[in-house]
Amino acid sequence: MPIRPIGIIVVAFLLLFGFIFGIFTLIVAPLWLIDIGKEVLNDFYLVYLVYYSIFVFAAPPVAYGLLKGFKWAWKSSIILICMGIINSVLILHGFSIVLFLILIYYITRPNVKAYFE
């Protein structure tokens, strides 16, 4: 197996950071929205909450798999990054979109893909 690229450690760290921030968001956001009023809790928000939960709880196993060099983790990381792009578009966060596009570019480089073969 080739030597682990340094960028994989960064990607795994970003996934774990996203997990920690996501847990905080999943706890605080619904409580904050309930205080605003039930009219805010529409069907779109509930669907988004499920979508975001999948992203958050998938991050730690994928980060572990990236560090270990599992091929399923490489494929899963691309899916999570694409989910992150969709999330960033929904919340109109330009910096995150650029960051996720850079991550997609990095993950698909030949030397990084070789680590997961």
N, C-alpha and C. Protein backbone atom coordinates (compact mmCIF):
# COMPACT_ATOMS: atom_id res chain seq x y z
N MET A 1 0.85 -1.18 0.00
CA MET A 1 0.00 0.00 0.00
C MET A 1 0.89 1.24 0.00
N PRO A 2 0.57 2.21 -0.85
CA PRO A 2 1.34 3.46 -0.88
C PRO A 2 1.22 4.22 0.44
N ILE A 3 2.12 5.15 0.62
CA ILE A 3 2.12 5.98 1.83
C ILE A 3 0.90 6.90 1.80
N ARG A 4 0.28 7.07 2.98
CA ARG A 4 -0.92 7.91 3.09
C ARG A 4 -0.58 9.35 2.76
N PRO A 5 -1.30 9.94 1.80
CA PRO A 5 -1.09 11.36 1.50
C PRO A 5 -1.50 12.24 2.69
N ILE A 6 -0.76 13.31 2.89
CA ILE A 6 -1.05 14.23 4.00
C ILE A 6 -2.46 14.81 3.88
N GLY A 7 -2.90 15.07 2.67
CA GLY A 7 -4.22 15.65 2.46
C GLY A 7 -5.34 14.77 2.97
N ILE A 8 -5.14 13.45 2.99
CA ILE A 8 -6.16 12.54 3.50
C ILE A 8 -6.37 12.77 4.99
N ILE A 9 -5.29 13.07 5.70
CA ILE A 9 -5.41 13.38 7.13
C ILE A 9 -6.23 14.66 7.29
N VAL A 10 -6.00 15.64 6.43
CA VAL A 10 -6.75 16.90 6.49
C VAL A 10 -8.23 16.65 6.19
N VAL A 11 -8.51 15.85 5.16
CA VAL A 11 -9.91 15.55 4.81
C VAL A 11 -10.60 14.82 5.96
N ALA A 12 -9.91 13.84 6.57
CA ALA A 12 -10.49 13.12 7.71
C ALA A 12 -10.74 14.07 8.88
N PHE A 13 -9.81 14.98 9.13
CA PHE A 13 -9.99 15.97 10.20
C PHE A 13 -11.20 16.86 9.91
N LEU A 14 -11.35 17.30 8.65
CA LEU A 14 -12.50 18.13 8.29
C LEU A 14 -13.81 17.38 8.47
N LEU A 15 -13.81 16.08 8.15
CA LEU A 15 -15.02 15.28 8.37
C LEU A 15 -15.34 15.18 9.86
N LEU A 16 -14.32 14.98 10.69
CA LEU A 16 -14.57 14.90 12.14
C LEU A 16 -15.01 16.24 12.70
N PHE A 17 -14.43 17.32 12.20
CA PHE A 17 -14.87 18.65 12.62
C PHE A 17 -16.32 18.87 12.22
N GLY A 18 -16.67 18.45 11.00
CA GLY A 18 -18.05 18.55 10.54
C GLY A 18 -19.00 17.74 11.40
N PHE A 19 -18.53 16.57 11.88
CA PHE A 19 -19.35 15.75 12.77
C PHE A 19 -19.62 16.48 14.09
N ILE A 20 -18.58 17.03 14.69
CA ILE A 20 -18.73 17.73 15.98
C ILE A 20 -19.64 18.95 15.82
N PHE A 21 -19.39 19.75 14.78
CA PHE A 21 -20.23 20.91 14.52
C PHE A 21 -21.66 20.49 14.19
N GLY A 22 -21.80 19.39 13.45
CA GLY A 22 -23.11 18.90 13.07
C GLY A 22 -23.93 18.43 14.26
N ILE A 23 -23.28 17.76 15.20
CA ILE A 23 -23.99 17.33 16.42
C ILE A 23 -24.50 18.55 17.17
N PHE A 24 -23.65 19.55 17.30
CA PHE A 24 -24.06 20.78 17.97
C PHE A 24 -25.25 21.41 17.25
N THR A 25 -25.18 21.46 15.92
CA THR A 25 -26.25 22.05 15.13
C THR A 25 -27.55 21.26 15.28
N LEU A 26 -27.44 19.93 15.26
CA LEU A 26 -28.64 19.10 15.38
C LEU A 26 -29.30 19.23 16.75
N ILE A 27 -28.52 19.58 17.76
CA ILE A 27 -29.09 19.77 19.09
C ILE A 27 -29.68 21.17 19.25
N VAL A 28 -28.95 22.18 18.81
CA VAL A 28 -29.35 23.56 19.05
C VAL A 28 -30.40 24.06 18.06
N ALA A 29 -30.25 23.78 16.78
CA ALA A 29 -31.14 24.34 15.76
C ALA A 29 -32.61 24.00 15.99
N PRO A 30 -32.97 22.73 16.25
CA PRO A 30 -34.40 22.45 16.47
C PRO A 30 -34.96 23.17 17.69
N LEU A 31 -34.18 23.30 18.75
CA LEU A 31 -34.66 24.00 19.94
C LEU A 31 -34.88 25.48 19.63
N TRP A 32 -33.96 26.06 18.87
CA TRP A 32 -34.08 27.46 18.49
C TRP A 32 -35.29 27.68 17.61
N LEU A 33 -35.53 26.78 16.68
CA LEU A 33 -36.67 26.93 15.78
C LEU A 33 -38.00 26.74 16.50
N ILE A 34 -38.03 25.86 17.50
CA ILE A 34 -39.26 25.66 18.27
C ILE A 34 -39.60 26.94 19.03
N ASP A 35 -38.57 27.65 19.52
CA ASP A 35 -38.82 28.91 20.22
C ASP A 35 -39.38 29.97 19.28
N ILE A 36 -38.97 29.95 18.01
CA ILE A 36 -39.48 30.94 17.06
C ILE A 36 -40.95 30.71 16.80
N GLY A 37 -41.32 29.48 16.64
CA GLY A 37 -42.72 29.18 16.36
C GLY A 37 -42.85 27.96 15.47
N LYS A 38 -43.93 27.27 15.60
CA LYS A 38 -44.12 26.03 14.85
C LYS A 38 -44.29 26.26 13.35
N GLU A 39 -44.62 27.48 12.94
CA GLU A 39 -44.78 27.72 11.51
C GLU A 39 -43.46 27.57 10.75
N VAL A 40 -42.35 27.68 11.45
CA VAL A 40 -41.05 27.52 10.82
C VAL A 40 -40.76 26.04 10.55
N LEU A 41 -41.30 25.17 11.38
CA LEU A 41 -41.05 23.74 11.24
C LEU A 41 -41.95 23.15 10.15
N ASN A 42 -41.60 23.40 8.93
CA ASN A 42 -42.39 22.88 7.83
C ASN A 42 -41.79 21.58 7.32
N ASP A 43 -42.40 21.01 6.30
CA ASP A 43 -41.93 19.73 5.76
C ASP A 43 -40.52 19.83 5.20
N PHE A 44 -40.19 20.95 4.57
CA PHE A 44 -38.85 21.11 4.02
C PHE A 44 -37.80 21.01 5.11
N TYR A 45 -38.04 21.65 6.23
CA TYR A 45 -37.07 21.62 7.31
C TYR A 45 -36.89 20.21 7.84
N LEU A 46 -37.98 19.46 7.97
CA LEU A 46 -37.86 18.09 8.48
C LEU A 46 -37.09 17.21 7.51
N VAL A 47 -37.31 17.36 6.22
CA VAL A 47 -36.55 16.59 5.22
C VAL A 47 -35.08 17.00 5.29
N TYR A 48 -34.82 18.29 5.39
CA TYR A 48 -33.45 18.78 5.50
C TYR A 48 -32.77 18.24 6.75
N LEU A 49 -33.50 18.16 7.84
CA LEU A 49 -32.94 17.64 9.09
C LEU A 49 -32.52 16.18 8.95
N VAL A 50 -33.31 15.38 8.27
CA VAL A 50 -32.94 13.98 8.03
C VAL A 50 -31.72 13.91 7.11
N TYR A 51 -31.72 14.70 6.06
CA TYR A 51 -30.58 14.75 5.12
C TYR A 51 -29.31 15.14 5.86
N TYR A 52 -29.37 16.17 6.67
CA TYR A 52 -28.21 16.65 7.42
C TYR A 52 -27.75 15.61 8.44
N SER A 53 -28.69 14.90 9.06
CA SER A 53 -28.34 13.85 10.02
C SER A 53 -27.56 12.73 9.36
N ILE A 54 -27.96 12.35 8.15
CA ILE A 54 -27.24 11.31 7.42
C ILE A 54 -25.80 11.77 7.18
N PHE A 55 -25.64 13.00 6.76
CA PHE A 55 -24.31 13.56 6.53
C PHE A 55 -23.48 13.54 7.80
N VAL A 56 -24.06 13.98 8.90
CA VAL A 56 -23.33 14.09 10.16
C VAL A 56 -22.90 12.72 10.69
N PHE A 57 -23.81 11.77 10.71
CA PHE A 57 -23.49 10.48 11.32
C PHE A 57 -22.68 9.56 10.41
N ALA A 58 -22.59 9.88 9.14
CA ALA A 58 -21.74 9.10 8.23
C ALA A 58 -20.29 9.58 8.28
N ALA A 59 -20.05 10.77 8.75
CA ALA A 59 -18.72 11.36 8.71
C ALA A 59 -17.66 10.59 9.51
N PRO A 60 -17.90 10.19 10.77
CA PRO A 60 -16.83 9.50 11.52
C PRO A 60 -16.38 8.18 10.90
N PRO A 61 -17.29 7.28 10.48
CA PRO A 61 -16.80 6.05 9.86
C PRO A 61 -16.05 6.30 8.56
N VAL A 62 -16.48 7.28 7.80
CA VAL A 62 -15.78 7.59 6.54
C VAL A 62 -14.39 8.16 6.85
N ALA A 63 -14.29 9.02 7.85
CA ALA A 63 -12.98 9.55 8.24
C ALA A 63 -12.04 8.42 8.65
N TYR A 64 -12.53 7.48 9.43
CA TYR A 64 -11.73 6.32 9.84
C TYR A 64 -11.30 5.51 8.62
N GLY A 65 -12.25 5.27 7.72
CA GLY A 65 -11.94 4.50 6.52
C GLY A 65 -10.92 5.20 5.63
N LEU A 66 -10.98 6.52 5.56
CA LEU A 66 -9.98 7.27 4.79
C LEU A 66 -8.59 7.08 5.38
N LEU A 67 -8.50 7.16 6.69
CA LEU A 67 -7.20 7.00 7.34
C LEU A 67 -6.64 5.58 7.16
N LYS A 68 -7.52 4.61 7.08
CA LYS A 68 -7.09 3.22 6.91
C LYS A 68 -6.90 2.84 5.44
N GLY A 69 -7.36 3.68 4.52
CA GLY A 69 -7.17 3.43 3.10
C GLY A 69 -8.19 2.50 2.47
N PHE A 70 -9.38 2.43 3.03
CA PHE A 70 -10.43 1.57 2.48
C PHE A 70 -11.05 2.21 1.24
N LYS A 71 -11.25 1.39 0.21
CA LYS A 71 -11.82 1.90 -1.05
C LYS A 71 -13.25 2.42 -0.85
N TRP A 72 -14.03 1.74 0.00
CA TRP A 72 -15.40 2.20 0.25
C TRP A 72 -15.40 3.60 0.86
N ALA A 73 -14.37 3.92 1.64
CA ALA A 73 -14.30 5.24 2.27
C ALA A 73 -14.02 6.32 1.23
N TRP A 74 -13.21 5.97 0.22
CA TRP A 74 -12.94 6.93 -0.85
C TRP A 74 -14.23 7.26 -1.59
N LYS A 75 -14.99 6.23 -1.94
CA LYS A 75 -16.25 6.44 -2.64
C LYS A 75 -17.25 7.19 -1.75
N SER A 76 -17.29 6.81 -0.49
CA SER A 76 -18.21 7.47 0.45
C SER A 76 -17.84 8.92 0.67
N SER A 77 -16.55 9.21 0.69
CA SER A 77 -16.13 10.60 0.89
C SER A 77 -16.57 11.48 -0.28
N ILE A 78 -16.53 10.93 -1.48
CA ILE A 78 -17.01 11.69 -2.63
C ILE A 78 -18.50 11.97 -2.49
N ILE A 79 -19.25 10.97 -2.03
CA ILE A 79 -20.69 11.16 -1.82
C ILE A 79 -20.93 12.22 -0.75
N LEU A 80 -20.19 12.14 0.37
CA LEU A 80 -20.37 13.13 1.44
C LEU A 80 -19.98 14.53 0.98
N ILE A 81 -18.93 14.63 0.20
CA ILE A 81 -18.51 15.94 -0.29
C ILE A 81 -19.58 16.51 -1.22
N CYS A 82 -20.15 15.67 -2.07
CA CYS A 82 -21.25 16.13 -2.94
C CYS A 82 -22.46 16.55 -2.11
N MET A 83 -22.75 15.80 -1.04
CA MET A 83 -23.84 16.21 -0.14
C MET A 83 -23.51 17.56 0.51
N GLY A 84 -22.24 17.76 0.83
CA GLY A 84 -21.82 19.04 1.39
C GLY A 84 -22.01 20.18 0.42
N ILE A 85 -21.74 19.92 -0.87
CA ILE A 85 -21.96 20.95 -1.89
C ILE A 85 -23.44 21.31 -1.95
N ILE A 86 -24.29 20.29 -1.95
CA ILE A 86 -25.74 20.54 -1.98
C ILE A 86 -26.17 21.34 -0.75
N ASN A 87 -25.66 20.95 0.41
CA ASN A 87 -25.97 21.67 1.65
C ASN A 87 -25.52 23.12 1.57
N SER A 88 -24.32 23.35 1.04
CA SER A 88 -23.81 24.72 0.93
C SER A 88 -24.64 25.56 -0.04
N VAL A 89 -25.12 24.94 -1.10
CA VAL A 89 -25.97 25.67 -2.04
C VAL A 89 -27.29 26.02 -1.36
N LEU A 90 -27.84 25.09 -0.58
CA LEU A 90 -29.12 25.36 0.10
C LEU A 90 -29.02 26.50 1.10
N ILE A 91 -27.88 26.60 1.78
CA ILE A 91 -27.73 27.67 2.77
C ILE A 91 -26.98 28.87 2.22
N LEU A 92 -26.66 28.83 0.91
CA LEU A 92 -26.00 29.94 0.22
C LEU A 92 -24.69 30.33 0.88
N HIS A 93 -23.82 29.36 1.05
CA HIS A 93 -22.53 29.59 1.69
C HIS A 93 -21.42 29.35 0.67
N GLY A 94 -20.97 30.41 0.03
CA GLY A 94 -20.01 30.33 -1.07
C GLY A 94 -18.67 29.74 -0.69
N PHE A 95 -18.15 30.11 0.49
CA PHE A 95 -16.84 29.60 0.90
C PHE A 95 -16.86 28.07 1.00
N SER A 96 -17.92 27.52 1.54
CA SER A 96 -18.02 26.06 1.67
C SER A 96 -18.08 25.38 0.30
N ILE A 97 -18.77 26.00 -0.63
CA ILE A 97 -18.84 25.42 -1.98
C ILE A 97 -17.45 25.32 -2.57
N VAL A 98 -16.67 26.39 -2.45
CA VAL A 98 -15.30 26.39 -2.98
C VAL A 98 -14.46 25.34 -2.26
N LEU A 99 -14.59 25.24 -0.93
CA LEU A 99 -13.83 24.25 -0.17
C LEU A 99 -14.18 22.84 -0.61
N PHE A 100 -15.45 22.54 -0.77
CA PHE A 100 -15.86 21.21 -1.20
C PHE A 100 -15.38 20.89 -2.62
N LEU A 101 -15.37 21.88 -3.50
CA LEU A 101 -14.87 21.65 -4.85
C LEU A 101 -13.37 21.36 -4.84
N ILE A 102 -12.64 22.04 -3.97
CA ILE A 102 -11.21 21.76 -3.81
C ILE A 102 -11.01 20.34 -3.29
N LEU A 103 -11.85 19.93 -2.33
CA LEU A 103 -11.74 18.57 -1.79
C LEU A 103 -12.03 17.52 -2.86
N ILE A 104 -13.05 17.75 -3.68
CA ILE A 104 -13.35 16.82 -4.78
C ILE A 104 -12.14 16.72 -5.71
N TYR A 105 -11.56 17.86 -6.05
CA TYR A 105 -10.39 17.87 -6.93
C TYR A 105 -9.26 17.06 -6.29
N TYR A 106 -9.00 17.29 -5.01
CA TYR A 106 -7.90 16.60 -4.35
C TYR A 106 -8.15 15.09 -4.26
N ILE A 107 -9.34 14.71 -3.85
CA ILE A 107 -9.65 13.28 -3.67
C ILE A 107 -9.53 12.50 -4.98
N THR A 108 -9.76 13.16 -6.09
CA THR A 108 -9.74 12.46 -7.38
C THR A 108 -8.36 12.50 -8.06
N ARG A 109 -7.34 13.04 -7.40
CA ARG A 109 -5.99 13.04 -7.97
C ARG A 109 -5.47 11.60 -8.04
N PRO A 110 -4.68 11.26 -9.07
CA PRO A 110 -4.19 9.88 -9.23
C PRO A 110 -3.40 9.35 -8.04
N ASN A 111 -2.55 10.19 -7.44
CA ASN A 111 -1.76 9.69 -6.30
C ASN A 111 -2.64 9.40 -5.08
N VAL A 112 -3.71 10.16 -4.92
CA VAL A 112 -4.62 9.92 -3.80
C VAL A 112 -5.45 8.65 -4.07
N LYS A 113 -5.93 8.52 -5.31
CA LYS A 113 -6.69 7.32 -5.67
C LYS A 113 -5.83 6.07 -5.52
N ALA A 114 -4.55 6.19 -5.82
CA ALA A 114 -3.65 5.03 -5.71
C ALA A 114 -3.56 4.53 -4.27
N TYR A 115 -3.68 5.42 -3.32
CA TYR A 115 -3.64 5.03 -1.90
C TYR A 115 -4.80 4.10 -1.55
N PHE A 116 -5.91 4.24 -2.25
CA PHE A 116 -7.11 3.44 -1.95
C PHE A 116 -7.24 2.21 -2.82
N GLU A 117 -6.28 1.93 -3.67
CA GLU A 117 -6.36 0.72 -4.53
C GLU A 117 -6.01 -0.53 -3.76
